[in-house]
Amino acid sequence: MARNELRPLIKLRSTAGTGHTYVTRKNRRNNPDRLTLRKYDPIVRKHVLYREGR
């Protein structure tokens, strides 16, 4: 049985260049483009932009 492909797992990678990632799910029907969120990067100890990686 396949996982639900409407809500796939995605990796959010930090744009600060630290290599830190978050893993979450997204709804492809509501957000077909790449997701960008401001989240906390514990390595630089700031909120930075995280982008969806492929």
PDB file of N, CA and C in Angstrom:
ATOM      1  N   MET A   1       0.835  -1.184   0.000  1.00  0.00           N
ATOM      2  CA  MET A   1       0.000   0.000   0.000  1.00  0.00           C
ATOM      3  C   MET A   1       0.882   1.251   0.000  1.00  0.00           C
ATOM      4  N   ALA A   2       0.630   2.136  -0.931  1.00  0.00           N
ATOM      5  CA  ALA A   2       1.449   3.345  -1.075  1.00  0.00           C
ATOM      6  C   ALA A   2       1.033   4.407  -0.059  1.00  0.00           C
ATOM      7  N   ARG A   3       2.002   5.235   0.300  1.00  0.00           N
ATOM      8  CA  ARG A   3       1.697   6.366   1.186  1.00  0.00           C
ATOM      9  C   ARG A   3       0.840   7.367   0.429  1.00  0.00           C
ATOM     10  N   ASN A   4       0.198   8.234   1.158  1.00  0.00           N
ATOM     11  CA  ASN A   4      -0.653   9.250   0.554  1.00  0.00           C
ATOM     12  C   ASN A   4       0.213  10.237  -0.230  1.00  0.00           C
ATOM     13  N   GLU A   5       0.097  10.242  -1.549  1.00  0.00           N
ATOM     14  CA  GLU A   5       0.916  11.121  -2.388  1.00  0.00           C
ATOM     15  C   GLU A   5       0.390  12.549  -2.438  1.00  0.00           C
ATOM     16  N   LEU A   6      -0.791  12.800  -1.884  1.00  0.00           N
ATOM     17  CA  LEU A   6      -1.287  14.170  -1.814  1.00  0.00           C
ATOM     18  C   LEU A   6      -0.521  14.956  -0.751  1.00  0.00           C
ATOM     19  N   ARG A   7      -0.045  14.276   0.287  1.00  0.00           N
ATOM     20  CA  ARG A   7       0.726  14.897   1.369  1.00  0.00           C
ATOM     21  C   ARG A   7       2.075  14.204   1.518  1.00  0.00           C
ATOM     22  N   PRO A   8       3.023  14.473   0.611  1.00  0.00           N
ATOM     23  CA  PRO A   8       4.321  13.797   0.696  1.00  0.00           C
ATOM     24  C   PRO A   8       5.215  14.415   1.775  1.00  0.00           C
ATOM     25  N   LEU A   9       6.202  13.644   2.231  1.00  0.00           N
ATOM     26  CA  LEU A   9       7.218  14.161   3.134  1.00  0.00           C
ATOM     27  C   LEU A   9       8.169  15.046   2.339  1.00  0.00           C
ATOM     28  N   ILE A  10       8.518  16.200   2.899  1.00  0.00           N
ATOM     29  CA  ILE A  10       9.486  17.089   2.251  1.00  0.00           C
ATOM     30  C   ILE A  10      10.539  17.492   3.275  1.00  0.00           C
ATOM     31  N   LYS A  11      11.723  17.841   2.783  1.00  0.00           N
ATOM     32  CA  LYS A  11      12.786  18.345   3.639  1.00  0.00           C
ATOM     33  C   LYS A  11      12.885  19.845   3.441  1.00  0.00           C
ATOM     34  N   LEU A  12      12.916  20.570   4.539  1.00  0.00           N
ATOM     35  CA  LEU A  12      13.135  22.014   4.502  1.00  0.00           C
ATOM     36  C   LEU A  12      14.589  22.263   4.874  1.00  0.00           C
ATOM     37  N   ARG A  13      15.373  22.851   3.977  1.00  0.00           N
ATOM     38  CA  ARG A  13      16.797  23.063   4.184  1.00  0.00           C
ATOM     39  C   ARG A  13      17.066  24.539   4.461  1.00  0.00           C
ATOM     40  N   SER A  14      17.933  24.803   5.424  1.00  0.00           N
ATOM     41  CA  SER A  14      18.268  26.165   5.829  1.00  0.00           C
ATOM     42  C   SER A  14      19.001  26.904   4.718  1.00  0.00           C
ATOM     43  N   THR A  15      18.667  28.189   4.534  1.00  0.00           N
ATOM     44  CA  THR A  15      19.361  29.007   3.539  1.00  0.00           C
ATOM     45  C   THR A  15      20.598  29.677   4.138  1.00  0.00           C
ATOM     46  N   ALA A  16      20.845  29.462   5.449  1.00  0.00           N
ATOM     47  CA  ALA A  16      22.017  30.056   6.086  1.00  0.00           C
ATOM     48  C   ALA A  16      23.288  29.278   5.780  1.00  0.00           C
ATOM     49  N   GLY A  17      23.167  28.146   5.084  1.00  0.00           N
ATOM     50  CA  GLY A  17      24.342  27.374   4.710  1.00  0.00           C
ATOM     51  C   GLY A  17      24.853  26.454   5.800  1.00  0.00           C
ATOM     52  N   THR A  18      24.045  26.178   6.813  1.00  0.00           N
ATOM     53  CA  THR A  18      24.494  25.329   7.916  1.00  0.00           C
ATOM     54  C   THR A  18      24.218  23.856   7.657  1.00  0.00           C
ATOM     55  N   GLY A  19      23.331  23.551   6.710  1.00  0.00           N
ATOM     56  CA  GLY A  19      22.996  22.161   6.436  1.00  0.00           C
ATOM     57  C   GLY A  19      21.903  21.617   7.328  1.00  0.00           C
ATOM     58  N   HIS A  20      21.336  22.437   8.194  1.00  0.00           N
ATOM     59  CA  HIS A  20      20.266  21.995   9.086  1.00  0.00           C
ATOM     60  C   HIS A  20      18.975  21.809   8.301  1.00  0.00           C
ATOM     61  N   THR A  21      18.211  20.765   8.628  1.00  0.00           N
ATOM     62  CA  THR A  21      16.957  20.492   7.917  1.00  0.00           C
ATOM     63  C   THR A  21      15.837  20.208   8.901  1.00  0.00           C
ATOM     64  N   TYR A  22      14.629  20.472   8.459  1.00  0.00           N
ATOM     65  CA  TYR A  22      13.406  20.050   9.124  1.00  0.00           C
ATOM     66  C   TYR A  22      12.678  19.138   8.146  1.00  0.00           C
ATOM     67  N   VAL A  23      11.894  18.188   8.662  1.00  0.00           N
ATOM     68  CA  VAL A  23      11.094  17.303   7.822  1.00  0.00           C
ATOM     69  C   VAL A  23       9.632  17.541   8.167  1.00  0.00           C
ATOM     70  N   THR A  24       8.808  17.723   7.137  1.00  0.00           N
ATOM     71  CA  THR A  24       7.388  17.967   7.348  1.00  0.00           C
ATOM     72  C   THR A  24       6.611  17.417   6.162  1.00  0.00           C
ATOM     73  N   ARG A  25       5.313  17.566   6.188  1.00  0.00           N
ATOM     74  CA  ARG A  25       4.453  17.173   5.078  1.00  0.00           C
ATOM     75  C   ARG A  25       3.809  18.424   4.490  1.00  0.00           C
ATOM     76  N   LYS A  26       3.465  18.346   3.214  1.00  0.00           N
ATOM     77  CA  LYS A  26       2.751  19.472   2.617  1.00  0.00           C
ATOM     78  C   LYS A  26       1.638  18.938   1.725  1.00  0.00           C
ATOM     79  N   ASN A  27       0.636  19.766   1.518  1.00  0.00           N
ATOM     80  CA  ASN A  27      -0.481  19.414   0.661  1.00  0.00           C
ATOM     81  C   ASN A  27      -0.172  19.922  -0.748  1.00  0.00           C
ATOM     82  N   ARG A  28       0.019  19.002  -1.685  1.00  0.00           N
ATOM     83  CA  ARG A  28       0.375  19.407  -3.049  1.00  0.00           C
ATOM     84  C   ARG A  28      -0.759  20.131  -3.763  1.00  0.00           C
ATOM     85  N   ARG A  29      -1.978  19.839  -3.392  1.00  0.00           N
ATOM     86  CA  ARG A  29      -3.108  20.493  -4.057  1.00  0.00           C
ATOM     87  C   ARG A  29      -3.164  21.978  -3.684  1.00  0.00           C
ATOM     88  N   ASN A  30      -2.886  22.316  -2.420  1.00  0.00           N
ATOM     89  CA  ASN A  30      -2.937  23.716  -1.987  1.00  0.00           C
ATOM     90  C   ASN A  30      -1.635  24.464  -2.261  1.00  0.00           C
ATOM     91  N   ASN A  31      -0.493  23.769  -2.226  1.00  0.00           N
ATOM     92  CA  ASN A  31       0.822  24.396  -2.403  1.00  0.00           C
ATOM     93  C   ASN A  31       1.618  23.645  -3.462  1.00  0.00           C
ATOM     94  N   PRO A  32       1.350  23.856  -4.732  1.00  0.00           N
ATOM     95  CA  PRO A  32       2.091  23.115  -5.757  1.00  0.00           C
ATOM     96  C   PRO A  32       3.535  23.588  -5.938  1.00  0.00           C
ATOM     97  N   ASP A  33       3.861  24.844  -5.556  1.00  0.00           N
ATOM     98  CA  ASP A  33       5.226  25.352  -5.710  1.00  0.00           C
ATOM     99  C   ASP A  33       6.063  24.907  -4.518  1.00  0.00           C
ATOM    100  N   ARG A  34       7.344  25.276  -4.570  1.00  0.00           N
ATOM    101  CA  ARG A  34       8.225  24.967  -3.455  1.00  0.00           C
ATOM    102  C   ARG A  34       7.857  25.801  -2.242  1.00  0.00           C
ATOM    103  N   LEU A  35       7.900  25.181  -1.087  1.00  0.00           N
ATOM    104  CA  LEU A  35       7.497  25.808   0.165  1.00  0.00           C
ATOM    105  C   LEU A  35       8.666  26.581   0.765  1.00  0.00           C
ATOM    106  N   THR A  36       8.414  27.764   1.308  1.00  0.00           N
ATOM    107  CA  THR A  36       9.430  28.521   2.049  1.00  0.00           C
ATOM    108  C   THR A  36       8.812  28.958   3.371  1.00  0.00           C
ATOM    109  N   LEU A  37       9.542  28.726   4.461  1.00  0.00           N
ATOM    110  CA  LEU A  37       9.084  29.086   5.801  1.00  0.00           C
ATOM    111  C   LEU A  37      10.242  29.695   6.578  1.00  0.00           C
ATOM    112  N   ARG A  38       9.916  30.610   7.499  1.00  0.00           N
ATOM    113  CA  ARG A  38      10.934  31.120   8.424  1.00  0.00           C
ATOM    114  C   ARG A  38      10.886  30.255   9.665  1.00  0.00           C
ATOM    115  N   LYS A  39      12.001  29.573   9.942  1.00  0.00           N
ATOM    116  CA  LYS A  39      12.085  28.692  11.103  1.00  0.00           C
ATOM    117  C   LYS A  39      13.402  28.934  11.824  1.00  0.00           C
ATOM    118  N   TYR A  40      13.503  28.395  13.025  1.00  0.00           N
ATOM    119  CA  TYR A  40      14.683  28.593  13.863  1.00  0.00           C
ATOM    120  C   TYR A  40      15.801  27.645  13.445  1.00  0.00           C
ATOM    121  N   ASP A  41      16.985  28.203  13.223  1.00  0.00           N
ATOM    122  CA  ASP A  41      18.178  27.403  12.937  1.00  0.00           C
ATOM    123  C   ASP A  41      19.031  27.386  14.197  1.00  0.00           C
ATOM    124  N   PRO A  42      19.147  26.240  14.875  1.00  0.00           N
ATOM    125  CA  PRO A  42      19.881  26.197  16.147  1.00  0.00           C
ATOM    126  C   PRO A  42      21.385  26.377  15.988  1.00  0.00           C
ATOM    127  N   ILE A  43      21.918  26.194  14.798  1.00  0.00           N
ATOM    128  CA  ILE A  43      23.364  26.326  14.605  1.00  0.00           C
ATOM    129  C   ILE A  43      23.768  27.799  14.604  1.00  0.00           C
ATOM    130  N   VAL A  44      22.997  28.659  13.918  1.00  0.00           N
ATOM    131  CA  VAL A  44      23.298  30.092  13.920  1.00  0.00           C
ATOM    132  C   VAL A  44      22.488  30.843  14.972  1.00  0.00           C
ATOM    133  N   ARG A  45      21.590  30.132  15.647  1.00  0.00           N
ATOM    134  CA  ARG A  45      20.736  30.679  16.715  1.00  0.00           C
ATOM    135  C   ARG A  45      19.904  31.872  16.273  1.00  0.00           C
ATOM    136  N   LYS A  46      19.304  31.746  15.076  1.00  0.00           N
ATOM    137  CA  LYS A  46      18.428  32.787  14.536  1.00  0.00           C
ATOM    138  C   LYS A  46      17.305  32.131  13.757  1.00  0.00           C
ATOM    139  N   HIS A  47      16.270  32.911  13.494  1.00  0.00           N
ATOM    140  CA  HIS A  47      15.239  32.481  12.554  1.00  0.00           C
ATOM    141  C   HIS A  47      15.720  32.838  11.165  1.00  0.00           C
ATOM    142  N   VAL A  48      15.736  31.852  10.276  1.00  0.00           N
ATOM    143  CA  VAL A  48      16.169  32.063   8.895  1.00  0.00           C
ATOM    144  C   VAL A  48      15.154  31.433   7.962  1.00  0.00           C
ATOM    145  N   LEU A  49      15.308  31.709   6.694  1.00  0.00           N
ATOM    146  CA  LEU A  49      14.402  31.160   5.687  1.00  0.00           C
ATOM    147  C   LEU A  49      14.796  29.716   5.377  1.00  0.00           C
ATOM    148  N   TYR A  50      13.804  28.836   5.377  1.00  0.00           N
ATOM    149  CA  TYR A  50      14.001  27.435   5.008  1.00  0.00           C
ATOM    150  C   TYR A  50      13.237  27.187   3.722  1.00  0.00           C
ATOM    151  N   ARG A  51      13.883  26.525   2.753  1.00  0.00           N
ATOM    152  CA  ARG A  51      13.255  26.234   1.464  1.00  0.00           C
ATOM    153  C   ARG A  51      13.119  24.745   1.274  1.00  0.00           C
ATOM    154  N   GLU A  52      12.113  24.370   0.534  1.00  0.00           N
ATOM    155  CA  GLU A  52      11.884  22.963   0.246  1.00  0.00           C
ATOM    156  C   GLU A  52      12.971  22.445  -0.694  1.00  0.00           C
ATOM    157  N   GLY A  53      13.562  21.320  -0.327  1.00  0.00           N
ATOM    158  CA  GLY A  53      14.568  20.688  -1.180  1.00  0.00           C
ATOM    159  C   GLY A  53      13.958  19.555  -1.961  1.00  0.00           C
ATOM    160  N   ARG A  54      14.584  19.194  -3.060  1.00  0.00           N
ATOM    161  CA  ARG A  54      14.065  18.093  -3.884  1.00  0.00           C
ATOM    162  C   ARG A  54      14.881  16.846  -3.644  1.00  0.00           C
TER     163      ARG A  54
END
